[in-house]
Amino acid sequence: MFSIFWPLNLAKGLLGFVLNGLVFLSCLLTAMALMGDKGWVWSLTTHFRVQYLCVQALAFLFASVSYWQKSKPDGPRKIDQWVSLIVLGTFLGINLSAVLPYYLRQPRPDLSQTSGRPLKLMHINVFGNVNSNTEAVIKTIQTEQPDMIDFVEYTERWLQQLERSSTLKQYPYRLSGRGNMALYSKRPLINARLVYAGRQTVANQANIIAKIWLNGQPVTILVAHPASPIRPSHLTWLQESFGTWIKERPRLGKNLVVVGDLNTTPWSVEFKTLIEKTGLRDSQLDFGIQPSWPMLLPLIGIRAESNWLTQLMQIPIDHVLVSERLVVTDRHTGPFVGSDHLPVVVTLAVGPGQSPPQKTHGL
């Protein structure tokens, strides 16, 4: 019989089809992410663990409610529902195990006996020639008052406009205008220089390496912006950069900070290998996942302030990695500054039990 409700039923059916498709896709991509070392496409699937988790958590919740609401399901259907819940729960558990550690309380040393001021570090990808909102960047610097700032995608125009501002005059120690990146500091920079981590010598593949003293301890700062893995060759460039840092790790000193737009997430094979072989720690641990890119709503190109909805569509690719002796006392993302990246602000201190300062060599 013809029903006047057929448009509603059709819409309901289409919605169910789309939602089921999303759930299936999230499970398929989760399985591919487990083999992220197999190649470029497989690697790309590793970056969206939070998105997979959200889809699967909602699907598991609705499936569980639907199952228990059916008071007398027939046998075969009940078995199918159990299988679906088990499969969905398995994939949910895989993604939860990747995300949950960032929200668990980490043991912290007692810093009450530590002398000296902590180091407040701000990282900003200013989005090169696309973004022209220097006022927002300056306002953010004035609000946060960091001790040190690194910029990437830092073009000549940004150099001229920011250095005309009185705000940067309080950062007398600097290496700026080279390699599309810059480092500004209120504290003296020792042996600051520009190097290349791989075979590529294009501007965005440069690194800044400098040393500062923090609470009587030498700390090496490495500012980086490896290639975005949008194509296989770029993934190779990124792997070369990470491989160079791993190889050079013993020469970089016990206290090391790697900061920048690393163009990868904590769940990629490359990131995990870097953490494992260098002994560095992700500063997001204990502070939760803090997505930083993209600050552009998909499809319609609208830039928006960060909120829970935009964060669900973003991934954390701007990082501050620290060595064992450094303690992260605060970490947060900054406001929208016209870029497709959010600033990242981290406060660092040297933990207790440090050896007295010694004459250092190398960097």
Protein backbone atom coordinates (compact mmCIF):
# COMPACT_ATOMS: atom_id res chain seq x y z
CA MET A 1 0.00 0.00 0.00
CA PHE A 2 1.18 3.48 -0.84
CA SER A 3 2.25 5.45 2.20
CA ILE A 4 2.39 9.21 2.51
CA PHE A 5 5.42 8.74 4.76
CA TRP A 6 7.60 7.27 2.00
CA PRO A 7 9.91 10.35 1.82
CA LEU A 8 10.57 10.05 5.55
CA ASN A 9 11.20 6.33 5.26
CA LEU A 10 13.51 6.92 2.30
CA ALA A 11 15.48 9.56 4.19
CA LYS A 12 15.73 7.24 7.20
CA GLY A 13 16.99 4.44 4.99
CA LEU A 14 19.57 6.67 3.30
CA LEU A 15 20.76 7.99 6.66
CA GLY A 16 21.15 4.47 7.97
CA PHE A 17 23.09 3.49 4.85
CA VAL A 18 25.45 6.46 5.24
CA LEU A 19 26.01 5.84 8.94
CA ASN A 20 26.65 2.14 8.41
CA GLY A 21 29.06 3.09 5.64
CA LEU A 22 30.94 5.42 7.98
CA VAL A 23 31.22 2.72 10.62
CA PHE A 24 32.48 0.18 8.08
CA LEU A 25 34.95 2.71 6.67
CA SER A 26 36.28 3.58 10.13
CA CYS A 27 36.87 -0.11 10.85
CA LEU A 28 38.54 -0.67 7.48
CA LEU A 29 40.85 2.32 7.95
CA THR A 30 41.65 1.23 11.50
CA ALA A 31 42.76 -2.15 10.15
CA MET A 32 44.89 -0.40 7.51
CA ALA A 33 46.41 1.86 10.16
CA LEU A 34 47.73 -1.22 11.96
CA MET A 35 49.89 -1.78 8.87
CA GLY A 36 51.03 1.81 8.50
CA ASP A 37 54.56 0.74 7.63
CA LYS A 38 53.44 -0.97 4.41
CA GLY A 39 53.50 2.14 2.26
CA TRP A 40 52.36 5.69 1.68
CA VAL A 41 48.58 5.09 1.54
CA TRP A 42 48.71 2.86 4.60
CA SER A 43 50.66 5.51 6.47
CA LEU A 44 48.03 8.16 5.76
CA THR A 45 45.38 6.10 7.55
CA THR A 46 47.27 6.26 10.87
CA HIS A 47 46.55 9.93 11.53
CA PHE A 48 42.82 9.85 12.29
CA ARG A 49 42.55 7.71 15.41
CA VAL A 50 40.35 10.21 17.24
CA GLN A 51 37.90 10.38 14.34
CA TYR A 52 37.73 6.58 14.08
CA LEU A 53 37.20 6.38 17.83
CA CYS A 54 34.31 8.88 17.82
CA VAL A 55 32.46 7.09 15.01
CA GLN A 56 32.94 3.67 16.57
CA ALA A 57 32.03 4.81 20.09
CA LEU A 58 28.72 6.24 18.89
CA ALA A 59 28.00 3.17 16.78
CA PHE A 60 28.79 0.86 19.70
CA LEU A 61 26.52 2.86 22.00
CA PHE A 62 23.57 2.78 19.59
CA ALA A 63 24.13 -0.90 18.76
CA SER A 64 24.18 -1.79 22.46
CA VAL A 65 20.98 0.14 23.17
CA SER A 66 19.28 -1.41 20.15
CA TYR A 67 20.30 -4.89 21.22
CA TRP A 68 18.97 -4.62 24.77
CA GLN A 69 15.73 -2.97 23.64
CA LYS A 70 14.78 -6.06 21.68
CA SER A 71 13.17 -8.18 24.32
CA LYS A 72 12.68 -11.33 22.23
CA PRO A 73 15.02 -11.34 19.24
CA ASP A 74 15.18 -14.58 17.32
CA GLY A 75 18.26 -16.73 17.66
CA PRO A 76 20.12 -16.03 14.39
CA ARG A 77 19.54 -12.28 14.69
CA LYS A 78 20.78 -12.29 18.25
CA ILE A 79 23.97 -14.06 17.21
CA ASP A 80 24.51 -11.55 14.41
CA GLN A 81 24.10 -8.70 16.84
CA TRP A 82 26.59 -10.24 19.25
CA VAL A 83 29.12 -10.68 16.43
CA SER A 84 28.62 -7.07 15.36
CA LEU A 85 29.12 -5.81 18.90
CA ILE A 86 32.26 -7.92 19.35
CA VAL A 87 33.79 -6.76 16.06
CA LEU A 88 32.88 -3.13 16.69
CA GLY A 89 34.14 -3.35 20.27
CA THR A 90 37.46 -4.76 19.07
CA PHE A 91 38.09 -1.85 16.70
CA LEU A 92 36.89 0.58 19.35
CA GLY A 93 39.38 -0.90 21.81
CA ILE A 94 42.23 -0.58 19.30
CA ASN A 95 41.63 3.13 18.83
CA LEU A 96 40.90 3.73 22.50
CA SER A 97 44.24 2.18 23.43
CA ALA A 98 45.96 4.67 21.10
CA VAL A 99 44.16 7.76 22.42
CA LEU A 100 43.54 7.03 26.12
CA PRO A 101 47.21 7.25 27.29
CA TYR A 102 47.18 10.98 26.52
CA TYR A 103 44.48 11.50 29.15
CA LEU A 104 45.97 9.36 31.91
CA ARG A 105 47.76 11.12 34.73
CA GLN A 106 51.53 10.87 34.31
CA PRO A 107 53.90 10.77 37.29
CA ARG A 108 55.62 14.13 37.76
CA PRO A 109 58.72 14.92 39.81
CA ASP A 110 58.54 17.41 42.65
CA LEU A 111 59.69 20.75 41.25
CA SER A 112 59.44 22.67 44.52
CA GLN A 113 63.21 22.53 45.00
CA THR A 114 63.99 23.55 41.45
CA SER A 115 65.59 26.97 41.15
CA GLY A 116 65.22 29.37 38.26
CA ARG A 117 62.37 30.29 35.96
CA PRO A 118 60.72 27.78 33.66
CA LEU A 119 60.88 28.20 29.90
CA LYS A 120 57.69 29.16 28.08
CA LEU A 121 57.96 28.18 24.42
CA MET A 122 55.53 29.13 21.67
CA HIS A 123 55.40 27.52 18.24
CA ILE A 124 53.50 29.19 15.37
CA ASN A 125 53.09 28.12 11.75
CA VAL A 126 52.08 31.48 10.24
CA PHE A 127 50.95 29.95 6.90
CA GLY A 128 53.39 31.86 4.73
CA ASN A 129 52.02 34.10 2.01
CA VAL A 130 48.41 32.96 2.52
CA ASN A 131 47.92 34.45 5.98
CA SER A 132 48.29 38.21 6.48
CA ASN A 133 46.87 38.56 10.00
CA THR A 134 49.99 39.87 11.71
CA GLU A 135 47.84 41.69 14.28
CA ALA A 136 46.46 38.37 15.59
CA VAL A 137 49.94 36.88 15.87
CA ILE A 138 51.26 39.94 17.71
CA LYS A 139 48.27 39.94 20.06
CA THR A 140 48.83 36.27 20.86
CA ILE A 141 52.50 36.92 21.65
CA GLN A 142 51.55 39.83 23.89
CA THR A 143 48.97 37.71 25.70
CA GLU A 144 51.11 34.60 26.19
CA GLN A 145 54.42 36.41 26.80
CA PRO A 146 56.59 33.41 25.90
CA ASP A 147 60.32 33.32 26.57
CA MET A 148 60.99 31.84 23.16
CA ILE A 149 59.06 31.77 19.87
CA ASP A 150 59.65 29.72 16.76
CA PHE A 151 57.98 30.48 13.46
CA VAL A 152 57.69 28.21 10.42
CA GLU A 153 56.48 29.10 6.93
CA TYR A 154 58.03 32.43 7.88
CA THR A 155 58.35 34.42 4.66
CA GLU A 156 60.21 37.66 4.00
CA ARG A 157 56.96 39.60 4.29
CA TRP A 158 56.33 38.16 7.77
CA LEU A 159 59.90 38.92 8.75
CA GLN A 160 59.59 42.58 7.76
CA GLN A 161 56.16 43.11 9.32
CA LEU A 162 56.84 41.40 12.64
CA GLU A 163 60.27 42.87 13.14
CA ARG A 164 58.82 46.34 12.68
CA SER A 165 56.62 45.60 15.69
CA SER A 166 57.84 46.63 19.12
CA THR A 167 56.61 43.28 20.43
CA LEU A 168 59.63 41.40 19.08
CA LYS A 169 62.11 43.92 20.46
CA GLN A 170 61.96 42.04 23.77
CA TYR A 171 63.51 39.05 21.96
CA PRO A 172 67.05 40.26 21.26
CA TYR A 173 68.49 36.80 20.58
CA ARG A 174 67.33 35.52 17.22
CA LEU A 175 67.98 33.62 14.05
CA SER A 176 65.43 34.87 11.56
CA GLY A 177 64.65 35.14 7.89
CA ARG A 178 66.42 31.97 6.77
CA GLY A 179 64.95 28.69 5.63
CA ASN A 180 61.37 29.97 6.00
CA MET A 181 61.68 29.71 9.78
CA ALA A 182 62.87 31.81 12.69
CA LEU A 183 63.70 31.53 16.38
CA TYR A 184 63.34 34.49 18.78
CA SER A 185 64.42 34.31 22.40
CA LYS A 186 64.67 36.44 25.54
CA ARG A 187 67.47 34.15 26.66
CA PRO A 188 70.86 33.96 24.92
CA LEU A 189 71.06 31.51 22.04
CA ILE A 190 74.34 29.63 21.81
CA ASN A 191 75.65 28.55 18.41
CA ALA A 192 72.28 29.07 16.67
CA ARG A 193 72.43 27.89 13.08
CA LEU A 194 70.47 26.56 10.15
CA VAL A 195 71.01 22.96 9.04
CA TYR A 196 69.31 20.46 6.77
CA ALA A 197 68.24 17.11 8.16
CA GLY A 198 68.07 15.23 4.85
CA ARG A 199 69.16 15.40 1.24
CA GLN A 200 66.60 18.10 0.44
CA THR A 201 67.83 21.67 0.80
CA VAL A 202 64.57 23.42 -0.10
CA ALA A 203 63.65 26.19 2.31
CA ASN A 204 60.96 24.37 4.28
CA GLN A 205 63.22 21.40 4.96
CA ALA A 206 65.64 23.43 7.08
CA ASN A 207 66.11 22.98 10.83
CA ILE A 208 67.24 25.54 13.38
CA ILE A 209 69.50 24.21 16.11
CA ALA A 210 70.48 26.32 19.11
CA LYS A 211 71.37 25.85 22.73
CA ILE A 212 70.14 27.73 25.81
CA TRP A 213 70.76 27.41 29.54
CA LEU A 214 67.76 26.48 31.66
CA ASN A 215 68.17 26.32 35.44
CA GLY A 216 71.90 25.76 35.05
CA GLN A 217 71.49 23.01 32.50
CA PRO A 218 72.29 23.12 28.74
CA VAL A 219 69.22 22.49 26.61
CA THR A 220 69.31 21.99 22.85
CA ILE A 221 66.40 23.41 20.84
CA LEU A 222 65.71 21.89 17.43
CA VAL A 223 63.08 23.68 15.32
CA ALA A 224 61.79 21.60 12.43
CA HIS A 225 59.29 21.55 9.59
CA PRO A 226 59.67 18.30 7.64
CA ALA A 227 57.72 17.71 4.45
CA SER A 228 53.99 17.03 4.58
CA PRO A 229 53.42 13.41 3.44
CA ILE A 230 50.89 14.39 0.76
CA ARG A 231 52.76 12.25 -1.77
CA PRO A 232 55.14 9.28 -1.51
CA SER A 233 58.29 11.35 -2.14
CA HIS A 234 57.36 13.75 0.66
CA LEU A 235 56.90 10.87 3.07
CA THR A 236 60.42 9.77 2.13
CA TRP A 237 61.70 13.27 2.94
CA LEU A 238 59.97 13.17 6.32
CA GLN A 239 61.45 9.75 7.06
CA GLU A 240 64.91 11.04 6.13
CA SER A 241 64.54 13.96 8.53
CA PHE A 242 63.44 11.71 11.38
CA GLY A 243 66.22 9.27 10.57
CA THR A 244 68.81 12.06 10.76
CA TRP A 245 67.56 13.17 14.18
CA ILE A 246 67.73 9.58 15.42
CA LYS A 247 71.29 9.23 14.14
CA GLU A 248 72.38 12.58 15.61
CA ARG A 249 70.58 12.13 18.94
CA PRO A 250 73.75 11.35 20.98
CA ARG A 251 75.33 14.61 19.79
CA LEU A 252 72.35 16.76 20.73
CA GLY A 253 72.90 16.56 24.46
CA LYS A 254 70.92 15.00 27.29
CA ASN A 255 68.38 17.82 27.36
CA LEU A 256 66.65 18.16 24.00
CA VAL A 257 63.51 19.86 22.76
CA VAL A 258 62.21 19.16 19.24
CA VAL A 259 59.54 21.68 18.29
CA GLY A 260 57.70 22.46 15.08
CA ASP A 261 55.15 21.47 12.52
CA LEU A 262 56.23 17.85 12.16
CA ASN A 263 53.46 17.01 9.67
CA THR A 264 52.63 13.75 11.39
CA THR A 265 50.50 12.57 14.30
CA PRO A 266 51.47 10.55 17.40
CA TRP A 267 50.08 7.38 15.80
CA SER A 268 52.21 7.24 12.67
CA VAL A 269 54.96 4.65 12.38
CA GLU A 270 57.49 7.43 11.82
CA PHE A 271 56.52 9.27 15.00
CA LYS A 272 56.54 6.13 17.12
CA THR A 273 59.98 5.18 15.77
CA LEU A 274 61.31 8.66 16.51
CA ILE A 275 60.03 8.53 20.10
CA GLU A 276 61.34 5.02 20.69
CA LYS A 277 64.84 5.56 19.31
CA THR A 278 65.51 9.06 20.66
CA GLY A 279 63.96 8.68 24.12
CA LEU A 280 61.89 11.80 23.61
CA ARG A 281 58.42 12.23 25.11
CA ASP A 282 55.32 13.75 23.56
CA SER A 283 54.39 16.88 25.55
CA GLN A 284 50.69 16.12 25.00
CA LEU A 285 50.89 13.25 27.49
CA ASP A 286 48.93 14.19 30.61
CA PHE A 287 47.29 17.13 28.81
CA GLY A 288 45.15 15.25 26.28
CA ILE A 289 45.15 15.35 22.51
CA GLN A 290 45.45 18.97 21.36
CA PRO A 291 44.69 19.11 17.61
CA SER A 292 46.27 21.99 15.73
CA TRP A 293 45.43 21.49 12.02
CA PRO A 294 43.53 22.29 9.84
CA MET A 295 41.86 25.48 11.02
CA LEU A 296 39.80 25.47 7.83
CA LEU A 297 36.36 23.90 7.77
CA PRO A 298 36.35 21.23 5.06
CA LEU A 299 34.84 21.89 1.63
CA ILE A 300 33.62 25.44 2.25
CA GLY A 301 36.97 26.97 3.22
CA ILE A 302 35.66 28.92 6.21
CA ARG A 303 38.17 29.75 8.90
CA ALA A 304 36.76 29.48 12.39
CA GLU A 305 37.72 29.73 16.01
CA SER A 306 38.60 26.44 17.65
CA ASN A 307 35.75 24.63 19.40
CA TRP A 308 34.74 21.06 20.08
CA LEU A 309 33.23 20.69 16.57
CA THR A 310 36.28 21.94 14.70
CA GLN A 311 38.54 19.90 16.96
CA LEU A 312 36.75 16.72 15.88
CA MET A 313 37.87 17.51 12.33
CA GLN A 314 41.47 18.32 13.27
CA ILE A 315 44.60 16.30 13.95
CA PRO A 316 47.69 17.07 16.11
CA ILE A 317 50.66 17.65 13.80
CA ASP A 318 52.34 20.54 15.65
CA HIS A 319 54.53 19.07 18.35
CA VAL A 320 56.90 19.73 21.21
CA LEU A 321 58.94 16.66 22.10
CA VAL A 322 61.14 16.67 25.19
CA SER A 323 63.84 14.48 26.65
CA GLU A 324 63.56 12.67 29.97
CA ARG A 325 65.04 15.37 32.20
CA LEU A 326 62.62 18.05 31.04
CA VAL A 327 59.23 18.38 32.72
CA VAL A 328 56.18 19.79 30.93
CA THR A 329 54.25 21.87 33.46
CA ASP A 330 51.69 23.29 31.01
CA ARG A 331 50.64 22.77 27.42
CA HIS A 332 47.85 24.31 25.38
CA THR A 333 46.98 25.53 21.92
CA GLY A 334 46.61 29.21 21.26
CA PRO A 335 43.80 31.11 19.50
CA PHE A 336 43.10 31.30 15.80
CA VAL A 337 45.67 33.65 14.21
CA GLY A 338 44.61 33.47 10.56
CA SER A 339 46.78 30.44 9.83
CA ASP A 340 45.62 26.91 9.06
CA HIS A 341 47.51 25.92 12.23
CA LEU A 342 46.89 26.82 15.85
CA PRO A 343 49.84 28.00 17.93
CA VAL A 344 51.18 25.58 20.53
CA VAL A 345 52.42 26.87 23.90
CA VAL A 346 54.46 24.70 26.28
CA THR A 347 56.06 25.53 29.63
CA LEU A 348 59.15 23.51 30.54
CA ALA A 349 61.25 23.05 33.66
CA VAL A 350 64.28 20.96 34.48
CA GLY A 351 63.43 18.19 36.89
CA PRO A 352 65.33 17.58 40.17
CA GLY A 353 68.35 15.39 40.54
CA GLN A 354 70.37 17.04 37.78
CA SER A 355 74.13 16.88 37.74
CA PRO A 356 76.04 20.17 38.02
CA PRO A 357 76.71 22.05 34.77
CA GLN A 358 79.72 20.76 32.89
CA LYS A 359 81.63 22.00 29.89
CA THR A 360 79.80 20.75 26.82
CA HIS A 361 81.08 20.00 23.36
CA GLY A 362 79.45 19.81 19.98
CA LEU A 363 76.13 21.62 19.76
